PDB file of N, CA and C in Angstrom:
ATOM      1  N   MET A   1      29.444   5.892  13.986  1.00  0.00           N
ATOM      2  CA  MET A   1      28.848   6.011  12.694  1.00  0.00           C
ATOM      3  C   MET A   1      27.651   7.543  12.841  1.00  0.00           C
ATOM      4  N   PRO A   2      27.916   8.160  12.159  1.00  0.00           N
ATOM      5  CA  PRO A   2      26.798   9.756  12.339  1.00  0.00           C
ATOM      6  C   PRO A   2      25.675  10.153  11.724  1.00  0.00           C
ATOM      7  N   ARG A   3      24.617   9.931  12.523  1.00  0.00           N
ATOM      8  CA  ARG A   3      23.854  10.612  13.211  1.00  0.00           C
ATOM      9  C   ARG A   3      22.679  10.539  11.707  1.00  0.00           C
ATOM     10  N   SER A   4      23.429  10.989  10.959  1.00  0.00           N
ATOM     11  CA  SER A   4      22.310  11.246   9.635  1.00  0.00           C
ATOM     12  C   SER A   4      22.524  10.017   8.184  1.00  0.00           C
ATOM     13  N   LEU A   5      23.483   9.301   8.829  1.00  0.00           N
ATOM     14  CA  LEU A   5      23.141   8.206   8.265  1.00  0.00           C
ATOM     15  C   LEU A   5      22.476   7.086   8.359  1.00  0.00           C
ATOM     16  N   ILE A   6      22.863   6.779  10.076  1.00  0.00           N
ATOM     17  CA  ILE A   6      21.431   5.576  10.872  1.00  0.00           C
ATOM     18  C   ILE A   6      20.629   6.226  10.479  1.00  0.00           C
ATOM     19  N   ALA A   7      20.101   8.211  10.384  1.00  0.00           N
ATOM     20  CA  ALA A   7      18.538   7.761  10.404  1.00  0.00           C
ATOM     21  C   ALA A   7      18.103   7.522   8.919  1.00  0.00           C
ATOM     22  N   VAL A   8      19.072   8.046   8.043  1.00  0.00           N
ATOM     23  CA  VAL A   8      18.704   7.499   6.481  1.00  0.00           C
ATOM     24  C   VAL A   8      18.332   5.136   6.057  1.00  0.00           C
ATOM     25  N   LEU A   9      19.206   5.278   6.960  1.00  0.00           N
ATOM     26  CA  LEU A   9      19.692   3.561   7.491  1.00  0.00           C
ATOM     27  C   LEU A   9      17.947   3.249   7.269  1.00  0.00           C
ATOM     28  N   LEU A  10      17.416   4.299   8.738  1.00  0.00           N
ATOM     29  CA  LEU A  10      16.727   3.537   9.120  1.00  0.00           C
ATOM     30  C   LEU A  10      15.622   4.028   8.307  1.00  0.00           C
ATOM     31  N   ILE A  11      15.391   5.268   7.312  1.00  0.00           N
ATOM     32  CA  ILE A  11      14.040   5.850   6.726  1.00  0.00           C
ATOM     33  C   ILE A  11      14.095   4.732   6.289  1.00  0.00           C
ATOM     34  N   LEU A  12      14.970   4.275   5.800  1.00  0.00           N
ATOM     35  CA  LEU A  12      15.466   2.675   3.870  1.00  0.00           C
ATOM     36  C   LEU A  12      14.145   1.236   4.745  1.00  0.00           C
ATOM     37  N   SER A  13      14.917   1.110   5.703  1.00  0.00           N
ATOM     38  CA  SER A  13      14.410  -0.104   6.073  1.00  0.00           C
ATOM     39  C   SER A  13      12.893  -0.237   6.508  1.00  0.00           C
ATOM     40  N   ALA A  14      12.873   1.144   6.526  1.00  0.00           N
ATOM     41  CA  ALA A  14      11.161   0.924   6.958  1.00  0.00           C
ATOM     42  C   ALA A  14      10.299   1.338   5.842  1.00  0.00           C
ATOM     43  N   SER A  15      10.481   1.858   5.322  1.00  0.00           N
ATOM     44  CA  SER A  15      10.133   1.941   3.738  1.00  0.00           C
ATOM     45  C   SER A  15       9.523   0.539   2.750  1.00  0.00           C
ATOM     46  N   ALA A  16      11.081  -0.446   3.041  1.00  0.00           N
ATOM     47  CA  ALA A  16      11.090  -1.193   1.712  1.00  0.00           C
ATOM     48  C   ALA A  16      10.074  -2.493   3.129  1.00  0.00           C
ATOM     49  N   ALA A  17       9.983  -2.260   4.842  1.00  0.00           N
ATOM     50  CA  ALA A  17       9.346  -3.393   5.220  1.00  0.00           C
ATOM     51  C   ALA A  17       7.605  -2.822   4.988  1.00  0.00           C
ATOM     52  N   TYR A  18       7.725  -2.084   4.358  1.00  0.00           N
ATOM     53  CA  TYR A  18       6.480  -1.071   3.585  1.00  0.00           C
ATOM     54  C   TYR A  18       6.067  -1.454   2.295  1.00  0.00           C
ATOM     55  N   ALA A  19       6.798  -1.652   1.684  1.00  0.00           N
ATOM     56  CA  ALA A  19       6.762  -1.921   0.251  1.00  0.00           C
ATOM     57  C   ALA A  19       6.436  -3.247   0.229  1.00  0.00           C
ATOM     58  N   ASP A  20       6.975  -3.933   1.389  1.00  0.00           N
ATOM     59  CA  ASP A  20       6.315  -6.208   1.163  1.00  0.00           C
ATOM     60  C   ASP A  20       5.290  -5.703   1.864  1.00  0.00           C
ATOM     61  N   ASP A  21       4.497  -5.148   2.311  1.00  0.00           N
ATOM     62  CA  ASP A  21       3.555  -4.860   3.147  1.00  0.00           C
ATOM     63  C   ASP A  21       2.041  -4.552   2.193  1.00  0.00           C
ATOM     64  N   THR A  22       1.821  -5.565   1.038  1.00  0.00           N
ATOM     65  CA  THR A  22       1.257  -5.800  -0.241  1.00  0.00           C
ATOM     66  C   THR A  22       0.033  -6.951  -0.263  1.00  0.00           C
ATOM     67  N   CYS A  23      -1.367  -6.175  -0.548  1.00  0.00           N
ATOM     68  CA  CYS A  23      -2.066  -7.324  -0.766  1.00  0.00           C
ATOM     69  C   CYS A  23      -1.760  -8.731  -1.273  1.00  0.00           C
ATOM     70  N   LYS A  24      -0.935  -8.807  -1.906  1.00  0.00           N
ATOM     71  CA  LYS A  24      -0.282 -10.026  -2.547  1.00  0.00           C
ATOM     72  C   LYS A  24       0.838 -10.508  -2.213  1.00  0.00           C
ATOM     73  N   SER A  25       1.052  -9.715  -1.031  1.00  0.00           N
ATOM     74  CA  SER A  25       2.782 -10.184   0.040  1.00  0.00           C
ATOM     75  C   SER A  25       1.878 -10.721   0.850  1.00  0.00           C
ATOM     76  N   ARG A  26       0.829 -10.554   1.288  1.00  0.00           N
ATOM     77  CA  ARG A  26       0.117 -11.397   2.821  1.00  0.00           C
ATOM     78  C   ARG A  26      -0.488 -11.594   2.116  1.00  0.00           C
ATOM     79  N   ALA A  27      -1.102 -11.844   0.796  1.00  0.00           N
ATOM     80  CA  ALA A  27      -1.454 -13.483   0.825  1.00  0.00           C
ATOM     81  C   ALA A  27      -0.946 -14.182   0.119  1.00  0.00           C
ATOM     82  N   ALA A  28      -0.239 -14.226  -0.253  1.00  0.00           N
ATOM     83  CA  ALA A  28       1.063 -15.113  -0.291  1.00  0.00           C
ATOM     84  C   ALA A  28       1.632 -15.670   1.495  1.00  0.00           C
ATOM     85  N   ASP A  29       1.595 -15.003   2.089  1.00  0.00           N
ATOM     86  CA  ASP A  29       2.224 -15.681   3.490  1.00  0.00           C
ATOM     87  C   ASP A  29       1.136 -16.537   3.816  1.00  0.00           C
ATOM     88  N   LYS A  30      -0.018 -16.089   3.464  1.00  0.00           N
ATOM     89  CA  LYS A  30      -1.558 -17.179   4.741  1.00  0.00           C
ATOM     90  C   LYS A  30      -1.189 -18.123   3.258  1.00  0.00           C
ATOM     91  N   LYS A  31      -0.634 -17.850   2.245  1.00  0.00           N
ATOM     92  CA  LYS A  31      -1.023 -19.766   1.183  1.00  0.00           C
ATOM     93  C   LYS A  31      -1.901 -19.374   1.061  1.00  0.00           C
ATOM     94  N   LEU A  32      -2.668 -18.359   0.697  1.00  0.00           N
ATOM     95  CA  LEU A  32      -4.238 -18.506   0.037  1.00  0.00           C
ATOM     96  C   LEU A  32      -4.153 -18.968  -1.301  1.00  0.00           C
ATOM     97  N   ALA A  33      -5.691 -19.993  -1.305  1.00  0.00           N
ATOM     98  CA  ALA A  33      -5.744 -20.430  -2.894  1.00  0.00           C
ATOM     99  C   ALA A  33      -7.116 -20.256  -3.104  1.00  0.00           C
ATOM    100  N   GLY A  34      -7.693 -19.866  -4.153  1.00  0.00           N
ATOM    101  CA  GLY A  34      -8.601 -20.443  -4.414  1.00  0.00           C
ATOM    102  C   GLY A  34      -9.651 -19.147  -4.225  1.00  0.00           C
ATOM    103  N   ALA A  35     -11.491 -19.403  -4.012  1.00  0.00           N
ATOM    104  CA  ALA A  35     -11.744 -18.748  -3.536  1.00  0.00           C
ATOM    105  C   ALA A  35     -11.264 -18.076  -2.410  1.00  0.00           C
ATOM    106  N   ALA A  36     -10.802 -18.380  -1.500  1.00  0.00           N
ATOM    107  CA  ALA A  36     -10.039 -17.342  -0.259  1.00  0.00           C
ATOM    108  C   ALA A  36      -9.371 -16.088  -1.008  1.00  0.00           C
ATOM    109  N   LEU A  37      -8.306 -16.804  -1.280  1.00  0.00           N
ATOM    110  CA  LEU A  37      -7.281 -16.270  -2.617  1.00  0.00           C
ATOM    111  C   LEU A  37      -8.181 -14.628  -2.891  1.00  0.00           C
ATOM    112  N   THR A  38      -9.333 -15.012  -4.068  1.00  0.00           N
ATOM    113  CA  THR A  38     -10.023 -13.867  -4.220  1.00  0.00           C
ATOM    114  C   THR A  38     -10.745 -13.680  -3.503  1.00  0.00           C
ATOM    115  N   SER A  39     -11.729 -13.827  -2.090  1.00  0.00           N
ATOM    116  CA  SER A  39     -11.999 -12.801  -1.342  1.00  0.00           C
ATOM    117  C   SER A  39     -11.557 -12.530  -1.191  1.00  0.00           C
ATOM    118  N   PHE A  40     -10.222 -12.190  -0.628  1.00  0.00           N
ATOM    119  CA  PHE A  40      -9.540 -12.074   0.359  1.00  0.00           C
ATOM    120  C   PHE A  40      -8.698 -10.481  -0.579  1.00  0.00           C
ATOM    121  N   SER A  41      -8.571 -10.494  -1.383  1.00  0.00           N
ATOM    122  CA  SER A  41      -7.973  -9.871  -2.438  1.00  0.00           C
ATOM    123  C   SER A  41      -9.564  -9.262  -3.075  1.00  0.00           C
ATOM    124  N   LYS A  42     -10.291  -9.096  -3.183  1.00  0.00           N
ATOM    125  CA  LYS A  42     -11.147  -7.705  -3.458  1.00  0.00           C
ATOM    126  C   LYS A  42     -11.184  -7.309  -2.057  1.00  0.00           C
ATOM    127  N   LYS A  43     -11.382  -8.130  -0.568  1.00  0.00           N
ATOM    128  CA  LYS A  43     -11.595  -7.246   0.142  1.00  0.00           C
ATOM    129  C   LYS A  43     -10.499  -6.198   0.427  1.00  0.00           C
ATOM    130  N   CYS A  44      -8.883  -6.701   0.186  1.00  0.00           N
ATOM    131  CA  CYS A  44      -8.120  -5.401   0.564  1.00  0.00           C
ATOM    132  C   CYS A  44      -8.050  -4.687  -0.436  1.00  0.00           C
ATOM    133  N   ALA A  45      -7.828  -5.159  -1.937  1.00  0.00           N
ATOM    134  CA  ALA A  45      -8.001  -3.785  -2.836  1.00  0.00           C
ATOM    135  C   ALA A  45      -9.354  -2.869  -2.349  1.00  0.00           C
ATOM    136  N   SER A  46     -10.233  -2.994  -1.829  1.00  0.00           N
ATOM    137  CA  SER A  46     -11.710  -2.209  -1.571  1.00  0.00           C
ATOM    138  C   SER A  46     -11.154  -1.353  -0.243  1.00  0.00           C
ATOM    139  N   ASP A  47     -10.625  -2.180   0.832  1.00  0.00           N
ATOM    140  CA  ASP A  47      -9.809  -1.117   2.379  1.00  0.00           C
ATOM    141  C   ASP A  47      -9.250  -0.500   1.753  1.00  0.00           C
ATOM    142  N   ALA A  48      -7.669  -0.871   0.205  1.00  0.00           N
ATOM    143  CA  ALA A  48      -7.011   0.086  -0.417  1.00  0.00           C
ATOM    144  C   ALA A  48      -7.485   1.010  -0.869  1.00  0.00           C
ATOM    145  N   LYS A  49      -8.525   1.403  -1.226  1.00  0.00           N
ATOM    146  CA  LYS A  49      -9.189   2.529  -2.253  1.00  0.00           C
ATOM    147  C   LYS A  49      -9.645   3.189  -1.021  1.00  0.00           C
ATOM    148  N   ALA A  50     -10.573   2.767  -0.578  1.00  0.00           N
ATOM    149  CA  ALA A  50     -11.051   3.789   1.226  1.00  0.00           C
ATOM    150  C   ALA A  50     -10.297   4.388   1.628  1.00  0.00           C
ATOM    151  N   SER A  51      -8.862   4.156   2.385  1.00  0.00           N
ATOM    152  CA  SER A  51      -7.985   4.168   2.776  1.00  0.00           C
ATOM    153  C   SER A  51      -7.009   5.506   1.697  1.00  0.00           C
ATOM    154  N   CYS A  52      -7.379   5.100   0.893  1.00  0.00           N
ATOM    155  CA  CYS A  52      -6.533   6.010   0.013  1.00  0.00           C
ATOM    156  C   CYS A  52      -7.307   7.755  -1.000  1.00  0.00           C
ATOM    157  N   ASP A  53      -8.259   7.362  -0.383  1.00  0.00           N
ATOM    158  CA  ASP A  53      -9.667   7.907  -0.329  1.00  0.00           C
ATOM    159  C   ASP A  53      -9.165   9.670   0.438  1.00  0.00           C
ATOM    160  N   GLN A  54      -9.382   8.648   1.339  1.00  0.00           N
ATOM    161  CA  GLN A  54      -9.325   8.921   2.597  1.00  0.00           C
ATOM    162  C   GLN A  54      -7.856   9.944   2.783  1.00  0.00           C
ATOM    163  N   GLN A  55      -6.980   9.464   1.907  1.00  0.00           N
ATOM    164  CA  GLN A  55      -6.055  10.922   2.115  1.00  0.00           C
ATOM    165  C   GLN A  55      -5.818  11.361   1.063  1.00  0.00           C
ATOM    166  N   ALA A  56      -6.208  11.190   0.069  1.00  0.00           N
ATOM    167  CA  ALA A  56      -6.698  12.709  -0.986  1.00  0.00           C
ATOM    168  C   ALA A  56      -8.226  13.493  -0.166  1.00  0.00           C
ATOM    169  N   ALA A  57      -8.594  13.188   0.565  1.00  0.00           N
ATOM    170  CA  ALA A  57      -9.575  14.330   1.140  1.00  0.00           C
ATOM    171  C   ALA A  57      -8.465  14.911   2.363  1.00  0.00           C
ATOM    172  N   ASP A  58      -7.771  14.152   3.285  1.00  0.00           N
ATOM    173  CA  ASP A  58      -7.044  14.974   4.228  1.00  0.00           C
ATOM    174  C   ASP A  58      -5.501  15.525   3.894  1.00  0.00           C
ATOM    175  N   LYS A  59      -5.800  15.391   2.634  1.00  0.00           N
ATOM    176  CA  LYS A  59      -3.854  15.772   1.627  1.00  0.00           C
ATOM    177  C   LYS A  59      -4.872  16.851   0.357  1.00  0.00           C
ATOM    178  N   LYS A  60      -6.249  17.148   0.532  1.00  0.00           N
ATOM    179  CA  LYS A  60      -7.292  17.947  -0.437  1.00  0.00           C
ATOM    180  C   LYS A  60      -6.851  17.950  -1.616  1.00  0.00           C
ATOM    181  N   ILE A  61      -6.615  16.858  -2.223  1.00  0.00           N
ATOM    182  CA  ILE A  61      -6.510  16.462  -3.555  1.00  0.00           C
ATOM    183  C   ILE A  61      -7.735  15.940  -4.230  1.00  0.00           C
ATOM    184  N   TYR A  62      -8.262  17.065  -5.651  1.00  0.00           N
ATOM    185  CA  TYR A  62      -9.278  16.955  -6.363  1.00  0.00           C
ATOM    186  C   TYR A  62      -8.721  16.632  -7.733  1.00  0.00           C
ATOM    187  N   GLY A  63      -9.941  16.190  -8.217  1.00  0.00           N
ATOM    188  CA  GLY A  63     -10.208  16.304  -9.598  1.00  0.00           C
ATOM    189  C   GLY A  63      -9.419  15.482 -10.234  1.00  0.00           C
ATOM    190  N   ALA A  64      -8.377  15.201 -11.469  1.00  0.00           N
ATOM    191  CA  ALA A  64      -7.821  14.305 -12.106  1.00  0.00           C
ATOM    192  C   ALA A  64      -6.623  14.419 -11.367  1.00  0.00           C
ATOM    193  N   ALA A  65      -6.769  15.255 -10.516  1.00  0.00           N
ATOM    194  CA  ALA A  65      -5.289  14.658  -9.047  1.00  0.00           C
ATOM    195  C   ALA A  65      -5.248  13.586  -8.454  1.00  0.00           C
ATOM    196  N   LYS A  66      -6.189  13.893  -8.138  1.00  0.00           N
ATOM    197  CA  LYS A  66      -7.138  12.400  -6.989  1.00  0.00           C
ATOM    198  C   LYS A  66      -7.263  11.486  -7.541  1.00  0.00           C
ATOM    199  N   THR A  67      -7.657  11.933  -8.685  1.00  0.00           N
ATOM    200  CA  THR A  67      -7.890   9.835  -9.278  1.00  0.00           C
ATOM    201  C   THR A  67      -6.578   9.237  -9.266  1.00  0.00           C
ATOM    202  N   SER A  68      -5.406  10.078 -10.281  1.00  0.00           N
ATOM    203  CA  SER A  68      -4.220  10.039 -10.334  1.00  0.00           C
ATOM    204  C   SER A  68      -3.359   9.301  -9.083  1.00  0.00           C
ATOM    205  N   PHE A  69      -3.577   9.725  -7.887  1.00  0.00           N
ATOM    206  CA  PHE A  69      -3.138   9.569  -6.604  1.00  0.00           C
ATOM    207  C   PHE A  69      -3.879   8.769  -6.287  1.00  0.00           C
ATOM    208  N   THR A  70      -5.387   8.147  -6.411  1.00  0.00           N
ATOM    209  CA  THR A  70      -5.486   7.152  -6.109  1.00  0.00           C
ATOM    210  C   THR A  70      -5.665   6.204  -6.625  1.00  0.00           C
ATOM    211  N   LYS A  71      -5.038   5.873  -7.867  1.00  0.00           N
ATOM    212  CA  LYS A  71      -4.786   4.404  -8.871  1.00  0.00           C
ATOM    213  C   LYS A  71      -3.289   4.677  -8.665  1.00  0.00           C
ATOM    214  N   LYS A  72      -2.253   5.526  -7.972  1.00  0.00           N
ATOM    215  CA  LYS A  72      -1.560   4.848  -7.976  1.00  0.00           C
ATOM    216  C   LYS A  72      -1.434   4.375  -6.379  1.00  0.00           C
ATOM    217  N   CYS A  73      -1.973   4.826  -5.840  1.00  0.00           N
ATOM    218  CA  CYS A  73      -1.429   3.931  -3.912  1.00  0.00           C
ATOM    219  C   CYS A  73      -2.579   2.861  -4.260  1.00  0.00           C
ATOM    220  N   VAL A  74      -3.870   2.463  -4.463  1.00  0.00           N
ATOM    221  CA  VAL A  74      -4.053   1.339  -4.557  1.00  0.00           C
ATOM    222  C   VAL A  74      -3.055   0.356  -5.443  1.00  0.00           C
ATOM    223  N   ASN A  75      -3.148   1.011  -5.968  1.00  0.00           N
ATOM    224  CA  ASN A  75      -1.705  -0.117  -7.395  1.00  0.00           C
ATOM    225  C   ASN A  75      -0.739  -0.649  -6.206  1.00  0.00           C
ATOM    226  N   ASP A  76       0.362   0.663  -5.671  1.00  0.00           N
ATOM    227  CA  ASP A  76       0.757   0.065  -4.486  1.00  0.00           C
ATOM    228  C   ASP A  76       1.196  -1.158  -2.991  1.00  0.00           C
ATOM    229  N   ALA A  77      -1.176  -0.634  -2.903  1.00  0.00           N
ATOM    230  CA  ALA A  77      -0.861  -0.881  -2.119  1.00  0.00           C
ATOM    231  C   ALA A  77      -1.479  -2.448  -1.737  1.00  0.00           C
ATOM    232  N   VAL A  78      -1.997  -3.228  -3.311  1.00  0.00           N
ATOM    233  CA  VAL A  78      -1.912  -4.201  -3.885  1.00  0.00           C
ATOM    234  C   VAL A  78      -1.121  -4.635  -4.368  1.00  0.00           C
ATOM    235  N   GLY A  79       0.091  -4.123  -4.745  1.00  0.00           N
ATOM    236  CA  GLY A  79       1.127  -4.974  -5.549  1.00  0.00           C
ATOM    237  C   GLY A  79       1.346  -5.042  -6.938  1.00  0.00           C
ATOM    238  N   SER A  80       0.275  -4.181  -7.180  1.00  0.00           N
ATOM    239  CA  SER A  80       0.379  -4.793  -8.675  1.00  0.00           C
ATOM    240  C   SER A  80       1.412  -3.894  -9.211  1.00  0.00           C
TER     241      SER A  80
END
């Protein structure tokens, strides 16, 4: 198998694993419900926003672009 094909497969499998690591999927894995689910979801979303804000700052994204980037980043992390 060519090395480039192996590299592409590794990247795709890594991105698929990352895509499945959302707040919703982790809550389902933990079988959370009720108040525990609400608390976990709020903390996870808060942590995601902080992480996305930091990523925007690291990439020097400001203004409307930062708002758009952060919204997409948080939605991806939460699993909306």
